[in-house]
C-alpha atoms as a PDB file:
ATOM      1  CA  UNK A   1      67.576 304.649 287.245  1.00  0.00           C
ATOM      2  CA  UNK A   2      68.388 300.965 286.902  1.00  0.00           C
ATOM      3  CA  UNK A   3      71.253 299.237 284.236  1.00  0.00           C
ATOM      4  CA  UNK A   4      70.954 295.786 284.443  1.00  0.00           C
ATOM      5  CA  UNK A   5      74.270 294.057 284.665  1.00  0.00           C
ATOM      6  CA  UNK A   6      74.304 290.034 284.759  1.00  0.00           C
ATOM      7  CA  UNK A   7      77.096 288.559 286.721  1.00  0.00           C
ATOM      8  CA  UNK A   8      78.096 285.525 284.573  1.00  0.00           C
ATOM      9  CA  UNK A   9      78.804 282.165 286.706  1.00  0.00           C
ATOM     10  CA  UNK A  10      78.955 278.688 285.868  1.00  0.00           C
ATOM     11  CA  UNK A  11      75.855 276.790 284.405  1.00  0.00           C
ATOM     12  CA  UNK A  12      76.000 274.811 288.199  1.00  0.00           C
ATOM     13  CA  UNK A  13      75.580 277.803 289.837  1.00  0.00           C
ATOM     14  CA  UNK A  14      72.928 280.298 288.467  1.00  0.00           C
ATOM     15  CA  UNK A  15      69.641 278.551 287.685  1.00  0.00           C
ATOM     16  CA  UNK A  16      68.884 281.531 285.221  1.00  0.00           C
ATOM     17  CA  UNK A  17      71.638 283.125 282.924  1.00  0.00           C
ATOM     18  CA  UNK A  18      70.380 286.590 283.527  1.00  0.00           C
ATOM     19  CA  UNK A  19      71.331 286.625 287.236  1.00  0.00           C
ATOM     20  CA  UNK A  20      72.398 287.257 290.052  1.00  0.00           C
ATOM     21  CA  UNK A  21      72.077 291.313 288.325  1.00  0.00           C
ATOM     22  CA  UNK A  22      73.088 294.462 289.664  1.00  0.00           C
ATOM     23  CA  UNK A  23      71.250 297.329 289.433  1.00  0.00           C
ATOM     24  CA  UNK A  24      71.610 300.896 290.170  1.00  0.00           C
ATOM     25  CA  UNK A  25      68.950 302.077 292.203  1.00  0.00           C
ATOM     26  CA  UNK A  26      69.012 306.287 292.755  1.00  0.00           C
ATOM     27  CA  UNK A  27      72.163 307.742 293.119  1.00  0.00           C
ATOM     28  CA  UNK A  28      73.187 305.819 296.065  1.00  0.00           C
ATOM     29  CA  UNK A  29      71.777 302.525 295.669  1.00  0.00           C
ATOM     30  CA  UNK A  30      72.566 299.112 294.077  1.00  0.00           C
ATOM     31  CA  UNK A  31      70.103 296.327 294.053  1.00  0.00           C
ATOM     32  CA  UNK A  32      71.516 292.310 293.693  1.00  0.00           C
ATOM     33  CA  UNK A  33      68.825 290.552 292.147  1.00  0.00           C
ATOM     34  CA  UNK A  34      68.973 286.640 292.027  1.00  0.00           C
ATOM     35  CA  UNK A  35      65.678 286.142 290.349  1.00  0.00           C
ATOM     36  CA  UNK A  36      62.957 288.038 288.681  1.00  0.00           C
ATOM     37  CA  UNK A  37      60.016 285.659 290.517  1.00  0.00           C
ATOM     38  CA  UNK A  38      59.469 284.629 293.826  1.00  0.00           C
ATOM     39  CA  UNK A  39      61.912 281.930 294.139  1.00  0.00           C
ATOM     40  CA  UNK A  40      63.099 279.180 297.136  1.00  0.00           C
ATOM     41  CA  UNK A  41      66.867 279.216 295.909  1.00  0.00           C
ATOM     42  CA  UNK A  42      67.214 283.066 294.841  1.00  0.00           C
ATOM     43  CA  UNK A  43      65.550 283.890 298.329  1.00  0.00           C
ATOM     44  CA  UNK A  44      68.472 281.736 300.175  1.00  0.00           C
ATOM     45  CA  UNK A  45      70.883 283.401 298.045  1.00  0.00           C
ATOM     46  CA  UNK A  46      69.389 286.899 298.978  1.00  0.00           C
ATOM     47  CA  UNK A  47      69.465 286.011 302.575  1.00  0.00           C
ATOM     48  CA  UNK A  48      73.034 284.647 302.529  1.00  0.00           C
ATOM     49  CA  UNK A  49      74.620 287.732 300.270  1.00  0.00           C
ATOM     50  CA  UNK A  50      73.117 290.216 302.610  1.00  0.00           C
ATOM     51  CA  UNK A  51      74.999 288.561 306.124  1.00  0.00           C
ATOM     52  CA  UNK A  52      78.274 288.663 303.622  1.00  0.00           C
ATOM     53  CA  UNK A  53      78.012 292.398 302.681  1.00  0.00           C
ATOM     54  CA  UNK A  54      76.965 292.931 306.609  1.00  0.00           C
ATOM     55  CA  UNK A  55      80.385 290.907 307.520  1.00  0.00           C
ATOM     56  CA  UNK A  56      82.615 292.511 304.898  1.00  0.00           C
ATOM     57  CA  UNK A  57      81.990 295.964 306.284  1.00  0.00           C
ATOM     58  CA  UNK A  58      82.820 298.258 303.440  1.00  0.00           C
ATOM     59  CA  UNK A  59      83.432 301.773 304.364  1.00  0.00           C
ATOM     60  CA  UNK A  60      80.350 303.802 302.927  1.00  0.00           C
ATOM     61  CA  UNK A  61      78.009 301.131 302.765  1.00  0.00           C
ATOM     62  CA  UNK A  62      75.173 302.606 305.545  1.00  0.00           C
ATOM     63  CA  UNK A  63      72.035 299.839 304.625  1.00  0.00           C
ATOM     64  CA  UNK A  64      71.529 296.499 303.745  1.00  0.00           C
ATOM     65  CA  UNK A  65      68.116 294.642 303.377  1.00  0.00           C
ATOM     66  CA  UNK A  66      66.754 292.093 301.752  1.00  0.00           C
ATOM     67  CA  UNK A  67      63.419 291.529 299.530  1.00  0.00           C
ATOM     68  CA  UNK A  68      62.100 287.970 298.420  1.00  0.00           C
ATOM     69  CA  UNK A  69      64.929 287.831 295.771  1.00  0.00           C
ATOM     70  CA  UNK A  70      67.331 290.443 295.928  1.00  0.00           C
ATOM     71  CA  UNK A  71      69.717 292.416 297.990  1.00  0.00           C
ATOM     72  CA  UNK A  72      69.694 296.182 298.624  1.00  0.00           C
ATOM     73  CA  UNK A  73      72.699 298.207 299.478  1.00  0.00           C
ATOM     74  CA  UNK A  74      73.119 301.910 300.282  1.00  0.00           C
ATOM     75  CA  UNK A  75      76.183 303.857 300.406  1.00  0.00           C
ATOM     76  CA  UNK A  76      77.716 307.011 301.209  1.00  0.00           C
ATOM     77  CA  UNK A  77      79.090 309.417 297.986  1.00  0.00           C
ATOM     78  CA  UNK A  78      80.919 310.648 300.136  1.00  0.00           C
ATOM     79  CA  UNK A  79      83.319 307.849 301.151  1.00  0.00           C
ATOM     80  CA  UNK A  80      82.823 305.530 298.041  1.00  0.00           C
ATOM     81  CA  UNK A  81      81.615 305.820 294.287  1.00  0.00           C
ATOM     82  CA  UNK A  82      79.651 303.906 292.091  1.00  0.00           C
ATOM     83  CA  UNK A  83      82.439 302.159 290.054  1.00  0.00           C
ATOM     84  CA  UNK A  84      84.449 300.760 292.863  1.00  0.00           C
ATOM     85  CA  UNK A  85      81.456 299.107 294.910  1.00  0.00           C
ATOM     86  CA  UNK A  86      80.465 297.846 291.747  1.00  0.00           C
ATOM     87  CA  UNK A  87      83.333 296.569 291.132  1.00  0.00           C
ATOM     88  CA  UNK A  88      83.642 294.982 294.758  1.00  0.00           C
ATOM     89  CA  UNK A  89      80.047 293.751 294.221  1.00  0.00           C
ATOM     90  CA  UNK A  90      80.615 291.846 291.279  1.00  0.00           C
ATOM     91  CA  UNK A  91      83.924 290.023 292.768  1.00  0.00           C
ATOM     92  CA  UNK A  92      81.735 289.201 296.043  1.00  0.00           C
ATOM     93  CA  UNK A  93      79.117 287.520 293.337  1.00  0.00           C
ATOM     94  CA  UNK A  94      81.806 285.773 291.344  1.00  0.00           C
ATOM     95  CA  UNK A  95      83.434 284.573 294.760  1.00  0.00           C
ATOM     96  CA  UNK A  96      80.679 281.419 295.496  1.00  0.00           C
ATOM     97  CA  UNK A  97      77.425 279.623 294.498  1.00  0.00           C
ATOM     98  CA  UNK A  98      75.592 282.113 296.231  1.00  0.00           C
ATOM     99  CA  UNK A  99      72.302 279.706 295.292  1.00  0.00           C
ATOM    100  CA  UNK A 100      73.819 277.147 297.458  1.00  0.00           C
ATOM    101  CA  UNK A 101      74.702 279.544 300.234  1.00  0.00           C
ATOM    102  CA  UNK A 102      74.437 278.397 303.648  1.00  0.00           C
ATOM    103  CA  UNK A 103      71.721 280.626 305.746  1.00  0.00           C
ATOM    104  CA  UNK A 104      72.726 283.079 307.968  1.00  0.00           C
ATOM    105  CA  UNK A 105      73.211 282.277 311.693  1.00  0.00           C
ATOM    106  CA  UNK A 106      71.416 283.292 313.973  1.00  0.00           C
ATOM    107  CA  UNK A 107      68.453 282.265 312.967  1.00  0.00           C
ATOM    108  CA  UNK A 108      65.524 280.731 315.058  1.00  0.00           C
ATOM    109  CA  UNK A 109      62.572 278.645 314.849  1.00  0.00           C
ATOM    110  CA  UNK A 110      59.308 280.039 316.165  1.00  0.00           C
ATOM    111  CA  UNK A 111      56.414 277.460 317.395  1.00  0.00           C
ATOM    112  CA  UNK A 112      53.247 279.722 316.804  1.00  0.00           C
ATOM    113  CA  UNK A 113      49.755 278.662 318.093  1.00  0.00           C
ATOM    114  CA  UNK A 114      46.669 279.685 315.498  1.00  0.00           C
ATOM    115  CA  UNK A 115      43.242 279.350 315.507  1.00  0.00           C
ATOM    116  CA  UNK A 116      41.880 278.391 312.137  1.00  0.00           C
ATOM    117  CA  UNK A 117      38.633 278.830 310.636  1.00  0.00           C
ATOM    118  CA  UNK A 118      35.143 280.031 311.909  1.00  0.00           C
ATOM    119  CA  UNK A 119      35.136 284.129 312.793  1.00  0.00           C
ATOM    120  CA  UNK A 120      38.980 284.070 312.929  1.00  0.00           C
ATOM    121  CA  UNK A 121      39.578 282.490 309.824  1.00  0.00           C
ATOM    122  CA  UNK A 122      36.309 283.306 307.672  1.00  0.00           C
ATOM    123  CA  UNK A 123      37.786 282.141 304.299  1.00  0.00           C
ATOM    124  CA  UNK A 124      39.723 278.754 305.355  1.00  0.00           C
ATOM    125  CA  UNK A 125      37.221 276.855 303.342  1.00  0.00           C
ATOM    126  CA  UNK A 126      37.678 279.077 300.194  1.00  0.00           C
ATOM    127  CA  UNK A 127      41.191 279.110 300.234  1.00  0.00           C
ATOM    128  CA  UNK A 128      41.283 275.299 300.849  1.00  0.00           C
ATOM    129  CA  UNK A 129      38.914 274.572 297.979  1.00  0.00           C
ATOM    130  CA  UNK A 130      40.974 276.724 295.428  1.00  0.00           C
ATOM    131  CA  UNK A 131      43.976 274.444 296.670  1.00  0.00           C
ATOM    132  CA  UNK A 132      42.049 271.487 296.168  1.00  0.00           C
ATOM    133  CA  UNK A 133      41.901 270.759 299.798  1.00  0.00           C
ATOM    134  CA  UNK A 134      39.227 270.371 302.831  1.00  0.00           C
ATOM    135  CA  UNK A 135      39.639 272.816 305.326  1.00  0.00           C
ATOM    136  CA  UNK A 136      41.095 270.131 307.452  1.00  0.00           C
ATOM    137  CA  UNK A 137      43.493 268.889 304.801  1.00  0.00           C
ATOM    138  CA  UNK A 138      44.494 272.474 304.569  1.00  0.00           C
ATOM    139  CA  UNK A 139      45.293 272.939 308.189  1.00  0.00           C
ATOM    140  CA  UNK A 140      47.458 269.881 308.149  1.00  0.00           C
ATOM    141  CA  UNK A 141      49.379 271.226 304.940  1.00  0.00           C
ATOM    142  CA  UNK A 142      50.339 274.444 306.763  1.00  0.00           C
ATOM    143  CA  UNK A 143      51.067 273.156 310.076  1.00  0.00           C
ATOM    144  CA  UNK A 144      53.353 270.304 308.332  1.00  0.00           C
ATOM    145  CA  UNK A 145      56.871 271.911 308.379  1.00  0.00           C
ATOM    146  CA  UNK A 146      58.300 275.006 309.320  1.00  0.00           C
ATOM    147  CA  UNK A 147      58.096 278.338 306.677  1.00  0.00           C
ATOM    148  CA  UNK A 148      61.258 280.489 306.024  1.00  0.00           C
ATOM    149  CA  UNK A 149      60.468 284.293 306.691  1.00  0.00           C
ATOM    150  CA  UNK A 150      61.502 285.255 302.838  1.00  0.00           C
ATOM    151  CA  UNK A 151      61.298 288.862 304.332  1.00  0.00           C
ATOM    152  CA  UNK A 152      59.502 291.387 306.326  1.00  0.00           C
ATOM    153  CA  UNK A 153      57.728 294.461 304.284  1.00  0.00           C
ATOM    154  CA  UNK A 154      54.596 296.258 303.731  1.00  0.00           C
ATOM    155  CA  UNK A 155      53.950 297.011 307.308  1.00  0.00           C
ATOM    156  CA  UNK A 156      56.523 297.168 310.269  1.00  0.00           C
ATOM    157  CA  UNK A 157      57.686 293.764 311.494  1.00  0.00           C
ATOM    158  CA  UNK A 158      55.254 291.909 308.968  1.00  0.00           C
ATOM    159  CA  UNK A 159      56.693 288.468 307.388  1.00  0.00           C
ATOM    160  CA  UNK A 160      56.529 286.902 304.155  1.00  0.00           C
ATOM    161  CA  UNK A 161      56.324 282.959 304.806  1.00  0.00           C
ATOM    162  CA  UNK A 162      56.865 280.588 302.001  1.00  0.00           C
ATOM    163  CA  UNK A 163      56.623 278.556 300.130  1.00  0.00           C
ATOM    164  CA  UNK A 164      53.723 275.887 300.286  1.00  0.00           C
ATOM    165  CA  UNK A 165      53.606 273.791 298.092  1.00  0.00           C
ATOM    166  CA  UNK A 166      52.457 274.157 294.606  1.00  0.00           C
ATOM    167  CA  UNK A 167      48.720 273.878 295.095  1.00  0.00           C
ATOM    168  CA  UNK A 168      48.811 276.780 297.212  1.00  0.00           C
ATOM    169  CA  UNK A 169      49.554 278.892 294.351  1.00  0.00           C
ATOM    170  CA  UNK A 170      46.019 280.489 294.958  1.00  0.00           C
ATOM    171  CA  UNK A 171      45.668 284.128 293.578  1.00  0.00           C
ATOM    172  CA  UNK A 172      44.522 286.784 295.644  1.00  0.00           C
ATOM    173  CA  UNK A 173      41.160 288.183 295.849  1.00  0.00           C
ATOM    174  CA  UNK A 174      39.511 290.249 292.961  1.00  0.00           C
ATOM    175  CA  UNK A 175      38.471 293.040 295.834  1.00  0.00           C
ATOM    176  CA  UNK A 176      39.728 293.681 299.270  1.00  0.00           C
ATOM    177  CA  UNK A 177      38.248 292.597 302.318  1.00  0.00           C
ATOM    178  CA  UNK A 178      37.725 295.545 304.791  1.00  0.00           C
ATOM    179  CA  UNK A 179      39.706 294.873 307.461  1.00  0.00           C
ATOM    180  CA  UNK A 180      41.362 291.993 308.909  1.00  0.00           C
ATOM    181  CA  UNK A 181      43.131 291.986 312.975  1.00  0.00           C
ATOM    182  CA  UNK A 182      46.382 292.306 313.856  1.00  0.00           C
ATOM    183  CA  UNK A 183      47.950 288.726 314.144  1.00  0.00           C
ATOM    184  CA  UNK A 184      45.763 287.668 311.084  1.00  0.00           C
ATOM    185  CA  UNK A 185      47.026 284.715 309.307  1.00  0.00           C
ATOM    186  CA  UNK A 186      46.404 284.866 305.357  1.00  0.00           C
ATOM    187  CA  UNK A 187      47.184 283.157 302.287  1.00  0.00           C
ATOM    188  CA  UNK A 188      47.966 284.135 298.150  1.00  0.00           C
ATOM    189  CA  UNK A 189      50.509 282.642 295.856  1.00  0.00           C
ATOM    190  CA  UNK A 190      52.772 280.128 298.216  1.00  0.00           C
ATOM    191  CA  UNK A 191      53.113 282.344 300.864  1.00  0.00           C
ATOM    192  CA  UNK A 192      51.468 282.935 304.405  1.00  0.00           C
ATOM    193  CA  UNK A 193      51.347 286.356 306.239  1.00  0.00           C
ATOM    194  CA  UNK A 194      50.844 287.182 309.255  1.00  0.00           C
ATOM    195  CA  UNK A 195      49.674 291.110 309.787  1.00  0.00           C
ATOM    196  CA  UNK A 196      51.234 293.191 312.211  1.00  0.00           C
ATOM    197  CA  UNK A 197      48.498 295.683 312.004  1.00  0.00           C
ATOM    198  CA  UNK A 198      44.696 295.884 311.196  1.00  0.00           C
ATOM    199  CA  UNK A 199      44.322 296.338 307.515  1.00  0.00           C
ATOM    200  CA  UNK A 200      42.592 296.084 304.435  1.00  0.00           C
ATOM    201  CA  UNK A 201      43.726 292.904 302.325  1.00  0.00           C
ATOM    202  CA  UNK A 202      43.402 290.903 298.897  1.00  0.00           C
ATOM    203  CA  UNK A 203      44.935 287.954 300.759  1.00  0.00           C
ATOM    204  CA  UNK A 204      42.524 285.238 302.356  1.00  0.00           C
ATOM    205  CA  UNK A 205      42.218 285.309 305.996  1.00  0.00           C
ATOM    206  CA  UNK A 206      42.371 281.655 307.256  1.00  0.00           C
ATOM    207  CA  UNK A 207      42.948 281.938 310.516  1.00  0.00           C
ATOM    208  CA  UNK A 208      44.439 284.075 313.547  1.00  0.00           C
ATOM    209  CA  UNK A 209      47.280 284.526 316.058  1.00  0.00           C
ATOM    210  CA  UNK A 210      47.999 286.098 318.873  1.00  0.00           C
ATOM    211  CA  UNK A 211      51.560 287.546 317.385  1.00  0.00           C
ATOM    212  CA  UNK A 212      52.549 291.217 318.381  1.00  0.00           C
ATOM    213  CA  UNK A 213      54.926 291.659 315.453  1.00  0.00           C
ATOM    214  CA  UNK A 214      55.808 294.930 315.796  1.00  0.00           C
ATOM    215  CA  UNK A 215      56.790 296.391 319.243  1.00  0.00           C
ATOM    216  CA  UNK A 216      58.357 299.702 318.871  1.00  0.00           C
ATOM    217  CA  UNK A 217      58.774 300.401 322.835  1.00  0.00           C
ATOM    218  CA  UNK A 218      62.097 297.597 322.347  1.00  0.00           C
ATOM    219  CA  UNK A 219      65.354 297.973 321.046  1.00  0.00           C
ATOM    220  CA  UNK A 220      64.722 295.366 318.670  1.00  0.00           C
ATOM    221  CA  UNK A 221      61.170 295.911 317.685  1.00  0.00           C
ATOM    222  CA  UNK A 222      60.804 293.489 315.228  1.00  0.00           C
ATOM    223  CA  UNK A 223      59.613 289.798 316.498  1.00  0.00           C
ATOM    224  CA  UNK A 224      60.635 288.039 313.378  1.00  0.00           C
ATOM    225  CA  UNK A 225      63.686 288.318 311.141  1.00  0.00           C
ATOM    226  CA  UNK A 226      64.272 286.986 307.419  1.00  0.00           C
ATOM    227  CA  UNK A 227      65.555 284.079 308.047  1.00  0.00           C
ATOM    228  CA  UNK A 228      63.855 282.656 310.627  1.00  0.00           C
ATOM    229  CA  UNK A 229      61.533 279.779 310.565  1.00  0.00           C
ATOM    230  CA  UNK A 230      57.909 279.470 311.829  1.00  0.00           C
ATOM    231  CA  UNK A 231      55.788 276.441 312.384  1.00  0.00           C
ATOM    232  CA  UNK A 232      52.196 276.706 313.013  1.00  0.00           C
ATOM    233  CA  UNK A 233      50.558 274.793 315.362  1.00  0.00           C
ATOM    234  CA  UNK A 234      46.867 274.242 315.945  1.00  0.00           C
ATOM    235  CA  UNK A 235      45.190 275.716 319.047  1.00  0.00           C
ATOM    236  CA  UNK A 236      41.322 275.651 320.060  1.00  0.00           C
ATOM    237  CA  UNK A 237      39.536 278.795 319.264  1.00  0.00           C
ATOM    238  CA  UNK A 238      38.760 279.156 322.871  1.00  0.00           C
ATOM    239  CA  UNK A 239      42.659 280.181 323.407  1.00  0.00           C
ATOM    240  CA  UNK A 240      42.974 283.094 321.669  1.00  0.00           C
ATOM    241  CA  UNK A 241      42.496 285.383 324.200  1.00  0.00           C
ATOM    242  CA  UNK A 242      45.206 284.088 326.349  1.00  0.00           C
ATOM    243  CA  UNK A 243      47.379 284.390 323.300  1.00  0.00           C
ATOM    244  CA  UNK A 244      46.823 287.734 323.001  1.00  0.00           C
ATOM    245  CA  UNK A 245      47.819 288.457 326.624  1.00  0.00           C
ATOM    246  CA  UNK A 246      50.935 286.614 325.818  1.00  0.00           C
ATOM    247  CA  UNK A 247      53.927 288.782 325.015  1.00  0.00           C
ATOM    248  CA  UNK A 248      54.851 286.841 322.332  1.00  0.00           C
ATOM    249  CA  UNK A 249      51.392 285.416 321.543  1.00  0.00           C
ATOM    250  CA  UNK A 250      52.114 282.099 322.739  1.00  0.00           C
ATOM    251  CA  UNK A 251      54.847 281.615 320.388  1.00  0.00           C
ATOM    252  CA  UNK A 252      58.217 279.649 321.955  1.00  0.00           C
ATOM    253  CA  UNK A 253      61.619 280.092 320.076  1.00  0.00           C
ATOM    254  CA  UNK A 254      64.956 278.308 319.768  1.00  0.00           C
ATOM    255  CA  UNK A 255      67.995 278.939 317.967  1.00  0.00           C
ATOM    256  CA  UNK A 256      68.676 277.088 314.478  1.00  0.00           C
END
């Protein structure tokens, strides 16, 4: 069951009076949403709110996670009830402007080499044309600034990165590509994804990295975390085998 409860904030705090909103999810979950469509400020709010929830460590809250514009929490019905937990959520939501909250601590900037075009990015020209750019301009745009890991989803450790400039609000394909390999860099709707597994996709394959994003043998199996930033750098085509042989795909991280 989903029940919307908008939280009234000052007009200068909330860009849309319908948000933030609390929804009941099933019998043991709440979803706190900050927008209904992809939005940079809403993603920032979701990340900051999740971090605050984890710091609060409320009894009975067993899990917190973020999507593109929402924060989810799952709780133990034996340790707390809907009414009291919702009241706590309302109080925390009303305590500050989450849309302008600082991003969580512990984030990292990853510099990630990628090979663009040719057989390792066969749809680069098509995607660039849809964005009104040449392939060279497209690569320059994609590598111009860091992109935030807005959420992890679809497959283990797989990041949704954004946002690209407005001209990159290009649609998914009408049909699926049968397969793109692990580490493929794909683009649609102002976002980039690096695939953590080989898979069919409706997103356009523009480049290839050596990243191994899901490493189940490690205590921390995901290479990237929500809130991290990724800056792509162009690598020569003959570098791909070397990048794939590196445990981190040639990526280097630094603290933000």
